[in-house]
Structures are given as C-alpha cells and as structure tokens.
PDB file of N, CA and C in Angstrom:
ATOM      1  N   UNK A   1       1.376  -1.103  -0.169  1.00  0.00           N
ATOM      2  CA  UNK A   1       0.095   0.042  -0.727  1.00  0.00           C
ATOM      3  C   UNK A   1       1.115   1.345   0.423  1.00  0.00           C
ATOM      4  N   UNK A   2       0.586   1.900  -0.730  1.00  0.00           N
ATOM      5  CA  UNK A   2       1.345   3.170  -0.615  1.00  0.00           C
ATOM      6  C   UNK A   2       1.292   4.412  -0.166  1.00  0.00           C
ATOM      7  N   UNK A   3       2.119   4.306   1.201  1.00  0.00           N
ATOM      8  CA  UNK A   3       2.086   5.064   2.251  1.00  0.00           C
ATOM      9  C   UNK A   3       1.332   7.229   1.654  1.00  0.00           C
ATOM     10  N   UNK A   4       1.517   7.709   0.457  1.00  0.00           N
ATOM     11  CA  UNK A   4       1.473   8.801   0.235  1.00  0.00           C
ATOM     12  C   UNK A   4      -0.432   9.335   0.941  1.00  0.00           C
ATOM     13  N   UNK A   5      -0.873   7.697   0.322  1.00  0.00           N
ATOM     14  CA  UNK A   5      -2.437   8.032   0.912  1.00  0.00           C
ATOM     15  C   UNK A   5      -2.835   8.567   2.265  1.00  0.00           C
ATOM     16  N   UNK A   6      -2.190   8.449   2.864  1.00  0.00           N
ATOM     17  CA  UNK A   6      -2.003   8.860   4.305  1.00  0.00           C
ATOM     18  C   UNK A   6      -2.049  10.254   4.421  1.00  0.00           C
ATOM     19  N   UNK A   7      -1.562  11.332   3.199  1.00  0.00           N
ATOM     20  CA  UNK A   7      -1.338  12.765   3.133  1.00  0.00           C
ATOM     21  C   UNK A   7      -2.574  13.511   3.520  1.00  0.00           C
ATOM     22  N   UNK A   8      -3.863  12.765   2.980  1.00  0.00           N
ATOM     23  CA  UNK A   8      -4.729  13.257   2.737  1.00  0.00           C
ATOM     24  C   UNK A   8      -5.445  13.287   4.248  1.00  0.00           C
ATOM     25  N   UNK A   9      -5.954  14.581   4.608  1.00  0.00           N
ATOM     26  CA  UNK A   9      -6.572  14.589   6.407  1.00  0.00           C
ATOM     27  C   UNK A   9      -7.556  13.655   6.414  1.00  0.00           C
ATOM     28  N   UNK A  10      -8.688  13.537   5.447  1.00  0.00           N
ATOM     29  CA  UNK A  10      -9.329  12.512   5.573  1.00  0.00           C
ATOM     30  C   UNK A  10      -9.071  11.245   6.013  1.00  0.00           C
ATOM     31  N   UNK A  11      -8.557  10.790   5.340  1.00  0.00           N
ATOM     32  CA  UNK A  11      -8.388   9.278   5.131  1.00  0.00           C
ATOM     33  C   UNK A  11      -7.103   8.956   6.657  1.00  0.00           C
ATOM     34  N   UNK A  12      -6.721  10.280   7.283  1.00  0.00           N
ATOM     35  CA  UNK A  12      -5.263  10.158   7.684  1.00  0.00           C
ATOM     36  C   UNK A  12      -6.748   9.800   9.369  1.00  0.00           C
ATOM     37  N   UNK A  13      -7.639  10.743   8.508  1.00  0.00           N
ATOM     38  CA  UNK A  13      -8.103  10.806  10.291  1.00  0.00           C
ATOM     39  C   UNK A  13      -9.243   9.614  10.816  1.00  0.00           C
ATOM     40  N   UNK A  14      -9.692   8.873   9.636  1.00  0.00           N
ATOM     41  CA  UNK A  14     -10.345   8.139   9.361  1.00  0.00           C
ATOM     42  C   UNK A  14      -9.900   6.770   9.994  1.00  0.00           C
ATOM     43  N   UNK A  15      -8.525   6.791   9.301  1.00  0.00           N
ATOM     44  CA  UNK A  15      -7.585   5.782  10.004  1.00  0.00           C
ATOM     45  C   UNK A  15      -7.889   5.653  11.538  1.00  0.00           C
ATOM     46  N   UNK A  16      -7.559   7.102  11.948  1.00  0.00           N
ATOM     47  CA  UNK A  16      -6.790   7.144  13.617  1.00  0.00           C
ATOM     48  C   UNK A  16      -8.021   6.936  14.087  1.00  0.00           C
ATOM     49  N   UNK A  17      -9.283   7.270  13.699  1.00  0.00           N
ATOM     50  CA  UNK A  17     -10.604   7.206  14.496  1.00  0.00           C
ATOM     51  C   UNK A  17     -11.052   5.247  14.771  1.00  0.00           C
ATOM     52  N   UNK A  18     -11.043   4.778  13.865  1.00  0.00           N
ATOM     53  CA  UNK A  18     -11.350   3.584  13.478  1.00  0.00           C
ATOM     54  C   UNK A  18     -10.015   2.704  14.302  1.00  0.00           C
ATOM     55  N   UNK A  19      -9.164   3.040  14.086  1.00  0.00           N
ATOM     56  CA  UNK A  19      -7.865   2.263  15.368  1.00  0.00           C
ATOM     57  C   UNK A  19      -8.582   2.697  16.510  1.00  0.00           C
ATOM     58  N   UNK A  20      -8.858   3.480  17.342  1.00  0.00           N
ATOM     59  CA  UNK A  20      -8.856   3.672  18.244  1.00  0.00           C
ATOM     60  C   UNK A  20     -10.510   3.324  18.718  1.00  0.00           C
ATOM     61  N   UNK A  21     -11.126   3.273  17.846  1.00  0.00           N
ATOM     62  CA  UNK A  21     -12.594   2.026  17.943  1.00  0.00           C
ATOM     63  C   UNK A  21     -12.297   0.714  18.488  1.00  0.00           C
ATOM     64  N   UNK A  22     -11.534   0.211  17.435  1.00  0.00           N
ATOM     65  CA  UNK A  22     -11.605  -1.494  17.000  1.00  0.00           C
ATOM     66  C   UNK A  22     -10.327  -2.056  18.516  1.00  0.00           C
ATOM     67  N   UNK A  23      -9.174  -0.858  19.356  1.00  0.00           N
ATOM     68  CA  UNK A  23      -8.791  -1.445  20.212  1.00  0.00           C
ATOM     69  C   UNK A  23      -9.850  -0.877  21.912  1.00  0.00           C
ATOM     70  N   UNK A  24     -10.561  -0.024  21.509  1.00  0.00           N
ATOM     71  CA  UNK A  24     -11.618   0.100  22.609  1.00  0.00           C
ATOM     72  C   UNK A  24     -12.349  -1.152  22.735  1.00  0.00           C
ATOM     73  N   UNK A  25     -12.950  -1.586  21.604  1.00  0.00           N
ATOM     74  CA  UNK A  25     -13.576  -2.891  21.241  1.00  0.00           C
ATOM     75  C   UNK A  25     -13.079  -4.105  21.312  1.00  0.00           C
ATOM     76  N   UNK A  26     -11.741  -4.273  21.298  1.00  0.00           N
ATOM     77  CA  UNK A  26     -10.761  -5.433  21.641  1.00  0.00           C
ATOM     78  C   UNK A  26     -11.093  -5.034  23.378  1.00  0.00           C
ATOM     79  N   UNK A  27     -10.392  -4.305  23.988  1.00  0.00           N
ATOM     80  CA  UNK A  27     -10.212  -3.742  25.341  1.00  0.00           C
ATOM     81  C   UNK A  27     -12.036  -4.347  26.603  1.00  0.00           C
ATOM     82  N   UNK A  28     -12.846  -3.775  25.467  1.00  0.00           N
ATOM     83  CA  UNK A  28     -14.140  -4.009  26.492  1.00  0.00           C
ATOM     84  C   UNK A  28     -14.295  -5.558  26.408  1.00  0.00           C
ATOM     85  N   UNK A  29     -14.113  -6.329  25.109  1.00  0.00           N
ATOM     86  CA  UNK A  29     -14.695  -8.001  24.697  1.00  0.00           C
ATOM     87  C   UNK A  29     -13.177  -8.871  25.760  1.00  0.00           C
ATOM     88  N   UNK A  30     -12.373  -8.524  25.820  1.00  0.00           N
ATOM     89  CA  UNK A  30     -11.257  -8.468  26.873  1.00  0.00           C
ATOM     90  C   UNK A  30     -11.660  -8.916  28.105  1.00  0.00           C
ATOM     91  N   UNK A  31     -12.823  -8.042  28.329  1.00  0.00           N
ATOM     92  CA  UNK A  31     -12.858  -8.123  30.145  1.00  0.00           C
ATOM     93  C   UNK A  31     -13.711  -8.749  30.008  1.00  0.00           C
ATOM     94  N   UNK A  32     -15.078  -8.298  29.327  1.00  0.00           N
ATOM     95  CA  UNK A  32     -15.920  -9.469  29.211  1.00  0.00           C
ATOM     96  C   UNK A  32     -15.771 -11.323  29.517  1.00  0.00           C
ATOM     97  N   UNK A  33     -14.841 -11.335  28.524  1.00  0.00           N
ATOM     98  CA  UNK A  33     -14.812 -12.113  28.524  1.00  0.00           C
ATOM     99  C   UNK A  33     -13.985 -13.112  30.026  1.00  0.00           C
ATOM    100  N   UNK A  34     -13.511 -11.900  30.503  1.00  0.00           N
ATOM    101  CA  UNK A  34     -12.547 -12.561  31.324  1.00  0.00           C
ATOM    102  C   UNK A  34     -14.023 -12.186  32.552  1.00  0.00           C
ATOM    103  N   UNK A  35     -14.713 -11.989  32.770  1.00  0.00           N
ATOM    104  CA  UNK A  35     -15.505 -11.889  33.668  1.00  0.00           C
ATOM    105  C   UNK A  35     -16.497 -13.141  33.215  1.00  0.00           C
ATOM    106  N   UNK A  36     -16.900 -13.669  32.298  1.00  0.00           N
ATOM    107  CA  UNK A  36     -17.741 -14.555  31.756  1.00  0.00           C
ATOM    108  C   UNK A  36     -16.918 -16.096  32.957  1.00  0.00           C
ATOM    109  N   UNK A  37     -15.767 -15.804  32.291  1.00  0.00           N
ATOM    110  CA  UNK A  37     -14.942 -17.244  32.493  1.00  0.00           C
ATOM    111  C   UNK A  37     -14.647 -17.150  33.770  1.00  0.00           C
ATOM    112  N   UNK A  38     -14.308 -16.182  34.340  1.00  0.00           N
ATOM    113  CA  UNK A  38     -13.697 -15.543  36.311  1.00  0.00           C
ATOM    114  C   UNK A  38     -15.121 -16.316  37.323  1.00  0.00           C
ATOM    115  N   UNK A  39     -16.185 -15.153  37.088  1.00  0.00           N
ATOM    116  CA  UNK A  39     -16.793 -14.832  38.045  1.00  0.00           C
ATOM    117  C   UNK A  39     -18.378 -15.175  38.042  1.00  0.00           C
ATOM    118  N   UNK A  40     -19.085 -15.667  36.585  1.00  0.00           N
ATOM    119  CA  UNK A  40     -20.165 -16.451  36.037  1.00  0.00           C
ATOM    120  C   UNK A  40     -19.820 -17.860  35.339  1.00  0.00           C
ATOM    121  N   UNK A  41     -18.692 -18.367  35.783  1.00  0.00           N
ATOM    122  CA  UNK A  41     -17.549 -19.689  35.403  1.00  0.00           C
ATOM    123  C   UNK A  41     -18.384 -20.670  34.171  1.00  0.00           C
ATOM    124  N   UNK A  42     -17.686 -19.449  32.975  1.00  0.00           N
ATOM    125  CA  UNK A  42     -18.433 -20.135  31.879  1.00  0.00           C
ATOM    126  C   UNK A  42     -16.968 -20.963  31.545  1.00  0.00           C
ATOM    127  N   UNK A  43     -17.120 -22.094  30.398  1.00  0.00           N
ATOM    128  CA  UNK A  43     -16.562 -22.346  29.738  1.00  0.00           C
ATOM    129  C   UNK A  43     -16.128 -21.525  28.506  1.00  0.00           C
ATOM    130  N   UNK A  44     -14.866 -22.280  27.468  1.00  0.00           N
ATOM    131  CA  UNK A  44     -14.394 -21.667  26.272  1.00  0.00           C
ATOM    132  C   UNK A  44     -15.618 -21.261  25.751  1.00  0.00           C
ATOM    133  N   UNK A  45     -16.344 -22.271  25.535  1.00  0.00           N
ATOM    134  CA  UNK A  45     -17.283 -22.869  24.294  1.00  0.00           C
ATOM    135  C   UNK A  45     -18.586 -21.834  25.112  1.00  0.00           C
ATOM    136  N   UNK A  46     -19.098 -21.834  26.287  1.00  0.00           N
ATOM    137  CA  UNK A  46     -19.843 -21.015  26.466  1.00  0.00           C
ATOM    138  C   UNK A  46     -19.729 -19.816  26.444  1.00  0.00           C
ATOM    139  N   UNK A  47     -18.632 -19.586  26.832  1.00  0.00           N
ATOM    140  CA  UNK A  47     -18.299 -18.034  26.748  1.00  0.00           C
ATOM    141  C   UNK A  47     -17.909 -16.816  25.187  1.00  0.00           C
ATOM    142  N   UNK A  48     -18.114 -17.997  24.567  1.00  0.00           N
ATOM    143  CA  UNK A  48     -17.763 -17.907  22.757  1.00  0.00           C
ATOM    144  C   UNK A  48     -19.460 -17.469  22.580  1.00  0.00           C
ATOM    145  N   UNK A  49     -20.228 -19.028  23.148  1.00  0.00           N
ATOM    146  CA  UNK A  49     -21.454 -18.723  22.477  1.00  0.00           C
ATOM    147  C   UNK A  49     -22.334 -17.615  23.074  1.00  0.00           C
ATOM    148  N   UNK A  50     -22.259 -16.777  23.805  1.00  0.00           N
ATOM    149  CA  UNK A  50     -22.205 -15.284  24.793  1.00  0.00           C
ATOM    150  C   UNK A  50     -21.858 -14.424  23.914  1.00  0.00           C
ATOM    151  N   UNK A  51     -21.041 -14.594  22.839  1.00  0.00           N
ATOM    152  CA  UNK A  51     -20.656 -13.217  21.992  1.00  0.00           C
ATOM    153  C   UNK A  51     -21.471 -13.013  21.096  1.00  0.00           C
ATOM    154  N   UNK A  52     -21.901 -14.497  20.607  1.00  0.00           N
ATOM    155  CA  UNK A  52     -22.703 -14.043  19.297  1.00  0.00           C
ATOM    156  C   UNK A  52     -23.817 -13.173  19.370  1.00  0.00           C
ATOM    157  N   UNK A  53     -25.056 -13.251  20.209  1.00  0.00           N
ATOM    158  CA  UNK A  53     -25.570 -12.102  19.740  1.00  0.00           C
ATOM    159  C   UNK A  53     -25.305 -10.799  19.290  1.00  0.00           C
ATOM    160  N   UNK A  54     -24.317 -10.829  20.559  1.00  0.00           N
ATOM    161  CA  UNK A  54     -23.339  -9.398  20.100  1.00  0.00           C
ATOM    162  C   UNK A  54     -22.862  -9.217  18.510  1.00  0.00           C
ATOM    163  N   UNK A  55     -22.131 -10.124  17.890  1.00  0.00           N
ATOM    164  CA  UNK A  55     -21.525 -10.487  16.831  1.00  0.00           C
ATOM    165  C   UNK A  55     -22.445 -10.068  15.276  1.00  0.00           C
ATOM    166  N   UNK A  56     -23.823 -11.043  16.282  1.00  0.00           N
ATOM    167  CA  UNK A  56     -24.570 -10.604  14.728  1.00  0.00           C
ATOM    168  C   UNK A  56     -25.324  -9.315  15.008  1.00  0.00           C
ATOM    169  N   UNK A  57     -25.570  -8.668  16.280  1.00  0.00           N
ATOM    170  CA  UNK A  57     -26.596  -7.198  16.322  1.00  0.00           C
ATOM    171  C   UNK A  57     -25.274  -6.171  16.013  1.00  0.00           C
ATOM    172  N   UNK A  58     -24.493  -6.460  16.067  1.00  0.00           N
ATOM    173  CA  UNK A  58     -23.210  -5.635  15.320  1.00  0.00           C
ATOM    174  C   UNK A  58     -22.747  -5.185  14.178  1.00  0.00           C
ATOM    175  N   UNK A  59     -23.585  -6.814  13.003  1.00  0.00           N
ATOM    176  CA  UNK A  59     -23.359  -7.173  11.876  1.00  0.00           C
ATOM    177  C   UNK A  59     -24.753  -6.481  11.530  1.00  0.00           C
ATOM    178  N   UNK A  60     -24.801  -6.182  11.867  1.00  0.00           N
ATOM    179  CA  UNK A  60     -27.136  -5.557  11.784  1.00  0.00           C
ATOM    180  C   UNK A  60     -26.665  -4.401  11.196  1.00  0.00           C
ATOM    181  N   UNK A  61     -26.498  -3.690  12.199  1.00  0.00           N
ATOM    182  CA  UNK A  61     -26.473  -2.447  12.667  1.00  0.00           C
ATOM    183  C   UNK A  61     -25.330  -1.499  11.504  1.00  0.00           C
ATOM    184  N   UNK A  62     -24.167  -2.336  11.148  1.00  0.00           N
ATOM    185  CA  UNK A  62     -23.378  -1.983  10.413  1.00  0.00           C
ATOM    186  C   UNK A  62     -23.716  -1.674   8.776  1.00  0.00           C
ATOM    187  N   UNK A  63     -24.582  -3.238   8.182  1.00  0.00           N
ATOM    188  CA  UNK A  63     -25.175  -2.893   7.413  1.00  0.00           C
ATOM    189  C   UNK A  63     -26.092  -2.050   6.925  1.00  0.00           C
ATOM    190  N   UNK A  64     -27.172  -1.999   8.368  1.00  0.00           N
ATOM    191  CA  UNK A  64     -28.481  -1.112   7.972  1.00  0.00           C
ATOM    192  C   UNK A  64     -28.239   0.129   8.046  1.00  0.00           C
ATOM    193  N   UNK A  65     -27.587   0.370   9.343  1.00  0.00           N
ATOM    194  CA  UNK A  65     -27.597   2.017   9.795  1.00  0.00           C
ATOM    195  C   UNK A  65     -26.906   2.540   9.620  1.00  0.00           C
ATOM    196  N   UNK A  66     -25.542   2.180   9.592  1.00  0.00           N
ATOM    197  CA  UNK A  66     -24.612   2.836   9.213  1.00  0.00           C
ATOM    198  C   UNK A  66     -23.943   3.401   8.044  1.00  0.00           C
ATOM    199  N   UNK A  67     -24.304   2.454   7.085  1.00  0.00           N
ATOM    200  CA  UNK A  67     -23.681   2.196   5.724  1.00  0.00           C
ATOM    201  C   UNK A  67     -24.506   3.253   5.443  1.00  0.00           C
ATOM    202  N   UNK A  68     -25.620   3.391   5.485  1.00  0.00           N
ATOM    203  CA  UNK A  68     -26.730   4.388   4.290  1.00  0.00           C
ATOM    204  C   UNK A  68     -26.039   6.123   5.390  1.00  0.00           C
ATOM    205  N   UNK A  69     -26.284   5.938   6.938  1.00  0.00           N
ATOM    206  CA  UNK A  69     -26.032   7.486   7.200  1.00  0.00           C
ATOM    207  C   UNK A  69     -24.530   7.506   6.386  1.00  0.00           C
ATOM    208  N   UNK A  70     -23.520   7.234   6.969  1.00  0.00           N
ATOM    209  CA  UNK A  70     -22.385   7.976   5.780  1.00  0.00           C
ATOM    210  C   UNK A  70     -22.610   8.079   4.403  1.00  0.00           C
ATOM    211  N   UNK A  71     -23.147   7.281   3.375  1.00  0.00           N
ATOM    212  CA  UNK A  71     -22.753   7.673   2.495  1.00  0.00           C
ATOM    213  C   UNK A  71     -23.651   8.541   1.604  1.00  0.00           C
ATOM    214  N   UNK A  72     -24.779   8.734   2.750  1.00  0.00           N
ATOM    215  CA  UNK A  72     -25.477   9.448   1.750  1.00  0.00           C
ATOM    216  C   UNK A  72     -26.596  10.855   2.485  1.00  0.00           C
ATOM    217  N   UNK A  73     -26.390  10.780   3.507  1.00  0.00           N
ATOM    218  CA  UNK A  73     -26.817  11.568   4.473  1.00  0.00           C
ATOM    219  C   UNK A  73     -25.786  12.831   5.103  1.00  0.00           C
ATOM    220  N   UNK A  74     -25.095  12.263   6.402  1.00  0.00           N
ATOM    221  CA  UNK A  74     -24.002  13.020   7.252  1.00  0.00           C
ATOM    222  C   UNK A  74     -22.582  12.842   6.698  1.00  0.00           C
ATOM    223  N   UNK A  75     -22.204  11.952   5.800  1.00  0.00           N
ATOM    224  CA  UNK A  75     -20.528  11.734   5.853  1.00  0.00           C
ATOM    225  C   UNK A  75     -20.282  11.189   5.983  1.00  0.00           C
ATOM    226  N   UNK A  76     -19.026  10.482   6.232  1.00  0.00           N
ATOM    227  CA  UNK A  76     -17.788   9.151   6.987  1.00  0.00           C
ATOM    228  C   UNK A  76     -17.559  10.283   8.321  1.00  0.00           C
ATOM    229  N   UNK A  77     -17.151  11.185   8.028  1.00  0.00           N
ATOM    230  CA  UNK A  77     -16.785  12.292   9.147  1.00  0.00           C
ATOM    231  C   UNK A  77     -17.951  12.055  10.662  1.00  0.00           C
ATOM    232  N   UNK A  78     -19.116  12.659  10.096  1.00  0.00           N
ATOM    233  CA  UNK A  78     -20.177  13.292  11.084  1.00  0.00           C
ATOM    234  C   UNK A  78     -20.256  11.852  11.867  1.00  0.00           C
ATOM    235  N   UNK A  79     -20.195  10.521  10.991  1.00  0.00           N
ATOM    236  CA  UNK A  79     -20.780   9.715  11.353  1.00  0.00           C
ATOM    237  C   UNK A  79     -19.509   8.650  12.040  1.00  0.00           C
ATOM    238  N   UNK A  80     -18.637   8.923  12.219  1.00  0.00           N
ATOM    239  CA  UNK A  80     -18.116   8.417  12.868  1.00  0.00           C
ATOM    240  C   UNK A  80     -17.663   9.006  14.180  1.00  0.00           C
ATOM    241  N   UNK A  81     -17.354  10.073  14.412  1.00  0.00           N
ATOM    242  CA  UNK A  81     -17.156  11.106  15.286  1.00  0.00           C
ATOM    243  C   UNK A  81     -17.853  11.026  16.605  1.00  0.00           C
ATOM    244  N   UNK A  82     -19.479  10.514  16.184  1.00  0.00           N
ATOM    245  CA  UNK A  82     -20.316  10.845  17.758  1.00  0.00           C
ATOM    246  C   UNK A  82     -19.564   8.991  18.210  1.00  0.00           C
ATOM    247  N   UNK A  83     -19.433   8.058  17.708  1.00  0.00           N
ATOM    248  CA  UNK A  83     -19.061   6.602  17.758  1.00  0.00           C
ATOM    249  C   UNK A  83     -17.403   6.982  18.678  1.00  0.00           C
ATOM    250  N   UNK A  84     -16.815   7.972  18.680  1.00  0.00           N
ATOM    251  CA  UNK A  84     -15.645   8.035  19.847  1.00  0.00           C
ATOM    252  C   UNK A  84     -15.614   8.580  21.226  1.00  0.00           C
ATOM    253  N   UNK A  85     -17.359   8.736  21.134  1.00  0.00           N
ATOM    254  CA  UNK A  85     -17.378   9.925  22.108  1.00  0.00           C
ATOM    255  C   UNK A  85     -18.224   8.257  23.341  1.00  0.00           C
TER     256      UNK A  85
END
C-alpha cells in the first residue's frame, strides 16, 4: 500500500478513529470474556456462544444503519465522530 494516501487528512483521520474504536472494542470484549469465565464460571465454548448475539447485532447495525448514514446523509466524518465518545 502506498503511504502517500495518508497525506489526505480525511483518510488519516478516519484510520486513526477506526484504530481507536477497534482497540476499545478489543479491550471491552477481553474484559467481558474474563468476567464470563472467572465470575460466572463459563467455559470457553459457553463464553464464545455468549458473544454470538453481540456479533450478529453489530453486523446488522453496520450493514443497515451506519452504511446509509455515512454514504448518503451525513458523510464519514460526521458518522464516525459521535462513535468515539
């Protein structure tokens, strides 16, 4: 990938925001996984199955709502910014 694409403020900002959001989601899912296994005594399979509704719900939200908002109505910057707070 050519690094010159990061000269654009929009591309660099969007990548930074996505990196922060993904790292926050990873930290949250790790904390929930530890809570499920240590406090509720779920085994690995039960813990994985407990995350399944969250994954399906996130997929539906991204495919349905967020895609329409970012492409037609508000743009990528206005759609990603509230998600960071």
